[in-house]
Amino acid sequence: MSLNTALSGRSLPGQQNKGYEMKTIVICSGGLDSVSLAHMVAQENQLTGLVSFDYGQRHRKELDYAALCAVRLNVPHDIIDLRSIGAVLSGSALTDDIDVPDGHYAEESMRVTVVPNRNAIMLSIAFGVAAARGDQAVATAVHGGDHFIYPDCRPAFTQSFEVMQKYALEGYAEVALYTPFVHRTKADIVTAGQEHDTPFDLTWSCYKGGTDHCGRCGTCVERREAFHLAGVADPTPYEDPDFWADAITAKVAS
């Protein structure tokens, strides 16, 4: 039984599920989504550790926030070095010397941020780690807002991946894939994060990696919009705090 099924109807935000705890590792980038997920799993299940990946992304700032999350939740944190793999997954603004586009996350221009098979690669490694350590689930924070751009964030992929891993580990381990946000919005994640005491100011989303969030790249616009839609105060300092509204207006008008 998958963790999604095991907790169906029982893992509402803010509720405890102590009768259905599963040993779970969380793939944590240090962003709002994965840090909120880590806090959620820590409260509702048995969080055994965080796994992060250095794939040669534009900056390592987000990994620092993942490390802070692990310390805060008192769990081990492993950073897997995938830089040699990332070096050959060329053509992305996240790994190559290509400008990160500004605008809404659902703009066609944001496809330049795709790193081919990134989630598939990370999940495969995380499942191996979980199996080796005796964990029962791997949790990842893919969500509905990712579906337009990233193929390996869509429900069809996550469902198929879990089936594939069942066969890959058959007779050795049973590891489920937990994707509680895959049919939910970024605003829903903000709501869940707040209800699970996530310190949003200790998360990093911006692709550009400056001193503050730029406020203009797709992840910044999506982050700012999510807080607005959730009705939650956004503690994030942005270099351009008003750009998000214009970006959304432009997207709606297009």
Foldseek 3Di string as FASTA:
>chain_A
DFPCVLCVVPLDQLGAQDVRAFEEEEAFQQALQRLLVQLSNLRHHPDAEYEYEPQQFPDSVSVVLVVVSCVVSVHYYYYHYNPVVSVPQDQAVGHDVDDFAFFACLDPVNLSHDRPCVVVVVVVVVLVVCLVVVGAEYEYAQADSCVNRYVCSAPVNQVVSQVVVCVVCPPRGHYHYHHPHSHHALLVSVVSSVSSVRPNQSGDFASNDDPFRACTGNRNLRNLVSCVVNVHDHPGDHVDNPVSVVRVVVVVVD
